[in-house]
């Protein structure tokens, strides 16, 4: 039972690290997405819609 608090603290630190890494990966994906459009000399879609996204397409 004495190790329960140590384990709980480690779990919180791991969860925080996971959240931080997820945030960084999402930023990298957005950066690559923007760079792709810049290299193709195309404007970014209005509202950040992704090609093939049927919900963002105006019919």
PDB file of N, CA and C in Angstrom:
ATOM      1  N   UNK A   1       0.797  -1.195   0.000  1.00  0.00           N
ATOM      2  CA  UNK A   1       0.000   0.000   0.000  1.00  0.00           C
ATOM      3  C   UNK A   1       0.851   1.275   0.000  1.00  0.00           C
ATOM      4  N   UNK A   2       2.067   1.190   0.445  1.00  0.00           N
ATOM      5  CA  UNK A   2       2.898   2.390   0.529  1.00  0.00           C
ATOM      6  C   UNK A   2       3.287   2.919  -0.839  1.00  0.00           C
ATOM      7  N   UNK A   3       3.228   2.091  -1.864  1.00  0.00           N
ATOM      8  CA  UNK A   3       3.625   2.512  -3.207  1.00  0.00           C
ATOM      9  C   UNK A   3       2.468   3.094  -4.014  1.00  0.00           C
ATOM     10  N   UNK A   4       1.287   3.078  -3.475  1.00  0.00           N
ATOM     11  CA  UNK A   4       0.119   3.548  -4.212  1.00  0.00           C
ATOM     12  C   UNK A   4       0.243   5.025  -4.585  1.00  0.00           C
ATOM     13  N   UNK A   5       0.670   5.870  -3.698  1.00  0.00           N
ATOM     14  CA  UNK A   5       0.813   7.296  -3.989  1.00  0.00           C
ATOM     15  C   UNK A   5       1.898   7.536  -5.025  1.00  0.00           C
ATOM     16  N   UNK A   6       2.971   6.788  -4.971  1.00  0.00           N
ATOM     17  CA  UNK A   6       4.046   6.928  -5.950  1.00  0.00           C
ATOM     18  C   UNK A   6       3.544   6.541  -7.329  1.00  0.00           C
ATOM     19  N   UNK A   7       2.776   5.471  -7.396  1.00  0.00           N
ATOM     20  CA  UNK A   7       2.225   5.022  -8.672  1.00  0.00           C
ATOM     21  C   UNK A   7       1.243   6.049  -9.235  1.00  0.00           C
ATOM     22  N   UNK A   8       0.425   6.629  -8.374  1.00  0.00           N
ATOM     23  CA  UNK A   8      -0.542   7.637  -8.821  1.00  0.00           C
ATOM     24  C   UNK A   8       0.178   8.861  -9.369  1.00  0.00           C
ATOM     25  N   UNK A   9       1.248   9.277  -8.714  1.00  0.00           N
ATOM     26  CA  UNK A   9       2.009  10.439  -9.180  1.00  0.00           C
ATOM     27  C   UNK A   9       2.638  10.143 -10.537  1.00  0.00           C
ATOM     28  N   UNK A  10       3.197   8.959 -10.713  1.00  0.00           N
ATOM     29  CA  UNK A  10       3.801   8.582 -11.990  1.00  0.00           C
ATOM     30  C   UNK A  10       2.752   8.551 -13.088  1.00  0.00           C
ATOM     31  N   UNK A  11       1.559   8.088 -12.770  1.00  0.00           N
ATOM     32  CA  UNK A  11       0.476   8.028 -13.759  1.00  0.00           C
ATOM     33  C   UNK A  11       0.092   9.431 -14.213  1.00  0.00           C
ATOM     34  N   UNK A  12       0.033  10.384 -13.319  1.00  0.00           N
ATOM     35  CA  UNK A  12      -0.293  11.775 -13.681  1.00  0.00           C
ATOM     36  C   UNK A  12       0.790  12.347 -14.584  1.00  0.00           C
ATOM     37  N   UNK A  13       2.044  12.082 -14.245  1.00  0.00           N
ATOM     38  CA  UNK A  13       3.144  12.590 -15.064  1.00  0.00           C
ATOM     39  C   UNK A  13       3.125  11.973 -16.460  1.00  0.00           C
ATOM     40  N   UNK A  14       2.826  10.701 -16.555  1.00  0.00           N
ATOM     41  CA  UNK A  14       2.735  10.027 -17.862  1.00  0.00           C
ATOM     42  C   UNK A  14       1.569  10.596 -18.664  1.00  0.00           C
ATOM     43  N   UNK A  15       0.437  10.843 -18.012  1.00  0.00           N
ATOM     44  CA  UNK A  15      -0.723  11.411 -18.701  1.00  0.00           C
ATOM     45  C   UNK A  15      -0.407  12.818 -19.222  1.00  0.00           C
ATOM     46  N   UNK A  16       0.287  13.615 -18.419  1.00  0.00           N
ATOM     47  CA  UNK A  16       0.669  14.966 -18.858  1.00  0.00           C
ATOM     48  C   UNK A  16       1.626  14.909 -20.039  1.00  0.00           C
ATOM     49  N   UNK A  17       2.580  13.989 -19.987  1.00  0.00           N
ATOM     50  CA  UNK A  17       3.523  13.837 -21.091  1.00  0.00           C
ATOM     51  C   UNK A  17       2.803  13.388 -22.363  1.00  0.00           C
ATOM     52  N   UNK A  18       1.850  12.492 -22.229  1.00  0.00           N
ATOM     53  CA  UNK A  18       1.074  12.025 -23.374  1.00  0.00           C
ATOM     54  C   UNK A  18       0.274  13.177 -23.990  1.00  0.00           C
ATOM     55  N   UNK A  19      -0.353  13.983 -23.152  1.00  0.00           N
ATOM     56  CA  UNK A  19      -1.127  15.131 -23.649  1.00  0.00           C
ATOM     57  C   UNK A  19      -0.223  16.120 -24.363  1.00  0.00           C
ATOM     58  N   UNK A  20       0.939  16.374 -23.803  1.00  0.00           N
ATOM     59  CA  UNK A  20       1.881  17.308 -24.420  1.00  0.00           C
ATOM     60  C   UNK A  20       2.359  16.786 -25.774  1.00  0.00           C
ATOM     61  N   UNK A  21       2.694  15.509 -25.838  1.00  0.00           N
ATOM     62  CA  UNK A  21       3.139  14.927 -27.107  1.00  0.00           C
ATOM     63  C   UNK A  21       2.027  14.942 -28.151  1.00  0.00           C
ATOM     64  N   UNK A  22       0.792  14.705 -27.740  1.00  0.00           N
ATOM     65  CA  UNK A  22      -0.343  14.768 -28.666  1.00  0.00           C
ATOM     66  C   UNK A  22      -0.481  16.183 -29.220  1.00  0.00           C
ATOM     67  N   UNK A  23      -0.339  17.186 -28.378  1.00  0.00           N
ATOM     68  CA  UNK A  23      -0.419  18.583 -28.789  1.00  0.00           C
ATOM     69  C   UNK A  23       0.677  18.904 -29.810  1.00  0.00           C
ATOM     70  N   UNK A  24       1.887  18.424 -29.552  1.00  0.00           N
ATOM     71  CA  UNK A  24       3.009  18.670 -30.468  1.00  0.00           C
ATOM     72  C   UNK A  24       2.769  17.991 -31.814  1.00  0.00           C
ATOM     73  N   UNK A  25       2.298  16.749 -31.805  1.00  0.00           N
ATOM     74  CA  UNK A  25       2.031  16.025 -33.060  1.00  0.00           C
ATOM     75  C   UNK A  25       0.953  16.738 -33.866  1.00  0.00           C
ATOM     76  N   UNK A  26      -0.096  17.206 -33.204  1.00  0.00           N
ATOM     77  CA  UNK A  26      -1.159  17.934 -33.914  1.00  0.00           C
ATOM     78  C   UNK A  26      -0.605  19.207 -34.553  1.00  0.00           C
ATOM     79  N   UNK A  27       0.267  19.905 -33.857  1.00  0.00           N
ATOM     80  CA  UNK A  27       0.890  21.105 -34.416  1.00  0.00           C
ATOM     81  C   UNK A  27       1.735  20.782 -35.632  1.00  0.00           C
ATOM     82  N   UNK A  28       2.461  19.668 -35.588  1.00  0.00           N
ATOM     83  CA  UNK A  28       3.272  19.253 -36.731  1.00  0.00           C
ATOM     84  C   UNK A  28       2.401  18.892 -37.930  1.00  0.00           C
ATOM     85  N   UNK A  29       1.283  18.231 -37.692  1.00  0.00           N
ATOM     86  CA  UNK A  29       0.370  17.864 -38.779  1.00  0.00           C
ATOM     87  C   UNK A  29      -0.200  19.121 -39.430  1.00  0.00           C
ATOM     88  N   UNK A  30      -0.610  20.083 -38.621  1.00  0.00           N
ATOM     89  CA  UNK A  30      -1.137  21.344 -39.161  1.00  0.00           C
ATOM     90  C   UNK A  30      -0.060  22.068 -39.951  1.00  0.00           C
ATOM     91  N   UNK A  31       1.159  22.073 -39.441  1.00  0.00           N
ATOM     92  CA  UNK A  31       2.267  22.722 -40.137  1.00  0.00           C
ATOM     93  C   UNK A  31       2.515  22.076 -41.500  1.00  0.00           C
ATOM     94  N   UNK A  32       2.503  20.758 -41.553  1.00  0.00           N
ATOM     95  CA  UNK A  32       2.687  20.056 -42.829  1.00  0.00           C
ATOM     96  C   UNK A  32       1.535  20.344 -43.793  1.00  0.00           C
ATOM     97  N   UNK A  33       0.329  20.419 -43.266  1.00  0.00           N
ATOM     98  CA  UNK A  33      -0.851  20.712 -44.075  1.00  0.00           C
ATOM     99  C   UNK A  33      -0.719  22.093 -44.723  1.00  0.00           C
ATOM    100  N   UNK A  34      -0.318  23.084 -43.935  1.00  0.00           N
ATOM    101  CA  UNK A  34      -0.155  24.445 -44.455  1.00  0.00           C
ATOM    102  C   UNK A  34       0.989  24.494 -45.463  1.00  0.00           C
ATOM    103  N   UNK A  35       2.102  23.847 -45.144  1.00  0.00           N
ATOM    104  CA  UNK A  35       3.251  23.838 -46.052  1.00  0.00           C
ATOM    105  C   UNK A  35       2.909  23.186 -47.389  1.00  0.00           C
ATOM    106  N   UNK A  36       2.067  22.166 -47.381  1.00  0.00           N
ATOM    107  CA  UNK A  36       1.665  21.495 -48.618  1.00  0.00           C
ATOM    108  C   UNK A  36       0.939  22.468 -49.542  1.00  0.00           C
ATOM    109  N   UNK A  37       0.016  23.242 -48.991  1.00  0.00           N
ATOM    110  CA  UNK A  37      -0.713  24.207 -49.806  1.00  0.00           C
ATOM    111  C   UNK A  37       0.189  25.339 -50.271  1.00  0.00           C
ATOM    112  N   UNK A  38       1.132  25.757 -49.435  1.00  0.00           N
ATOM    113  CA  UNK A  38       2.052  26.820 -49.835  1.00  0.00           C
ATOM    114  C   UNK A  38       2.945  26.370 -50.984  1.00  0.00           C
ATOM    115  N   UNK A  39       3.385  25.126 -50.971  1.00  0.00           N
ATOM    116  CA  UNK A  39       4.247  24.616 -52.037  1.00  0.00           C
ATOM    117  C   UNK A  39       3.485  24.470 -53.348  1.00  0.00           C
ATOM    118  N   UNK A  40       2.192  24.217 -53.263  1.00  0.00           N
ATOM    119  CA  UNK A  40       1.377  24.068 -54.468  1.00  0.00           C
ATOM    120  C   UNK A  40       0.851  25.416 -54.949  1.00  0.00           C
ATOM    121  N   UNK A  41       1.190  26.487 -54.235  1.00  0.00           N
ATOM    122  CA  UNK A  41       0.729  27.847 -54.558  1.00  0.00           C
ATOM    123  C   UNK A  41      -0.789  27.917 -54.658  1.00  0.00           C
ATOM    124  N   UNK A  42      -1.456  27.185 -53.778  1.00  0.00           N
ATOM    125  CA  UNK A  42      -2.909  27.216 -53.726  1.00  0.00           C
ATOM    126  C   UNK A  42      -3.317  27.862 -52.405  1.00  0.00           C
ATOM    127  N   UNK A  43      -4.407  28.627 -52.424  1.00  0.00           N
ATOM    128  CA  UNK A  43      -4.872  29.194 -51.156  1.00  0.00           C
ATOM    129  C   UNK A  43      -5.449  28.099 -50.275  1.00  0.00           C
ATOM    130  N   UNK A  44      -5.360  28.300 -48.981  1.00  0.00           N
ATOM    131  CA  UNK A  44      -5.964  27.345 -48.053  1.00  0.00           C
ATOM    132  C   UNK A  44      -7.476  27.377 -48.221  1.00  0.00           C
ATOM    133  N   UNK A  45      -8.131  26.237 -48.091  1.00  0.00           N
ATOM    134  CA  UNK A  45      -9.591  26.223 -48.204  1.00  0.00           C
ATOM    135  C   UNK A  45     -10.228  27.083 -47.117  1.00  0.00           C
ATOM    136  N   UNK A  46     -11.347  27.694 -47.431  1.00  0.00           N
ATOM    137  CA  UNK A  46     -12.058  28.529 -46.465  1.00  0.00           C
ATOM    138  C   UNK A  46     -12.489  27.673 -45.282  1.00  0.00           C
ATOM    139  N   UNK A  47     -12.271  28.153 -44.105  1.00  0.00           N
ATOM    140  CA  UNK A  47     -12.678  27.431 -42.909  1.00  0.00           C
ATOM    141  C   UNK A  47     -11.792  26.245 -42.593  1.00  0.00           C
ATOM    142  N   UNK A  48     -10.691  26.072 -43.302  1.00  0.00           N
ATOM    143  CA  UNK A  48      -9.776  24.971 -43.028  1.00  0.00           C
ATOM    144  C   UNK A  48     -10.292  23.620 -43.469  1.00  0.00           C
ATOM    145  N   UNK A  49     -11.215  23.604 -44.450  1.00  0.00           N
ATOM    146  CA  UNK A  49     -11.776  22.338 -44.906  1.00  0.00           C
ATOM    147  C   UNK A  49     -10.714  21.508 -45.610  1.00  0.00           C
ATOM    148  N   UNK A  50     -10.752  20.223 -45.388  1.00  0.00           N
ATOM    149  CA  UNK A  50      -9.826  19.294 -46.017  1.00  0.00           C
ATOM    150  C   UNK A  50     -10.446  18.789 -47.308  1.00  0.00           C
ATOM    151  N   UNK A  51      -9.626  18.608 -48.342  1.00  0.00           N
ATOM    152  CA  UNK A  51     -10.134  18.085 -49.613  1.00  0.00           C
ATOM    153  C   UNK A  51     -10.842  16.765 -49.368  1.00  0.00           C
ATOM    154  N   UNK A  52     -12.031  16.627 -49.918  1.00  0.00           N
ATOM    155  CA  UNK A  52     -12.802  15.405 -49.758  1.00  0.00           C
ATOM    156  C   UNK A  52     -13.719  15.438 -48.537  1.00  0.00           C
ATOM    157  N   UNK A  53     -13.687  16.527 -47.782  1.00  0.00           N
ATOM    158  CA  UNK A  53     -14.540  16.661 -46.602  1.00  0.00           C
ATOM    159  C   UNK A  53     -15.927  17.061 -47.077  1.00  0.00           C
ATOM    160  N   UNK A  54     -16.864  16.135 -47.042  1.00  0.00           N
ATOM    161  CA  UNK A  54     -18.195  16.370 -47.599  1.00  0.00           C
ATOM    162  C   UNK A  54     -19.011  17.341 -46.744  1.00  0.00           C
ATOM    163  N   UNK A  55     -18.744  17.390 -45.457  1.00  0.00           N
ATOM    164  CA  UNK A  55     -19.513  18.290 -44.596  1.00  0.00           C
ATOM    165  C   UNK A  55     -19.183  19.755 -44.864  1.00  0.00           C
ATOM    166  N   UNK A  56     -17.955  20.040 -45.270  1.00  0.00           N
ATOM    167  CA  UNK A  56     -17.546  21.423 -45.491  1.00  0.00           C
ATOM    168  C   UNK A  56     -17.806  21.870 -46.927  1.00  0.00           C
ATOM    169  N   UNK A  57     -18.205  20.964 -47.795  1.00  0.00           N
ATOM    170  CA  UNK A  57     -18.424  21.303 -49.187  1.00  0.00           C
ATOM    171  C   UNK A  57     -19.813  21.910 -49.368  1.00  0.00           C
ATOM    172  N   UNK A  58     -19.883  23.025 -50.085  1.00  0.00           N
ATOM    173  CA  UNK A  58     -21.159  23.659 -50.376  1.00  0.00           C
ATOM    174  C   UNK A  58     -21.760  22.989 -51.601  1.00  0.00           C
ATOM    175  N   UNK A  59     -22.994  22.576 -51.472  1.00  0.00           N
ATOM    176  CA  UNK A  59     -23.666  21.878 -52.587  1.00  0.00           C
ATOM    177  C   UNK A  59     -24.440  22.848 -53.444  1.00  0.00           C
TER     178      UNK A  59
END
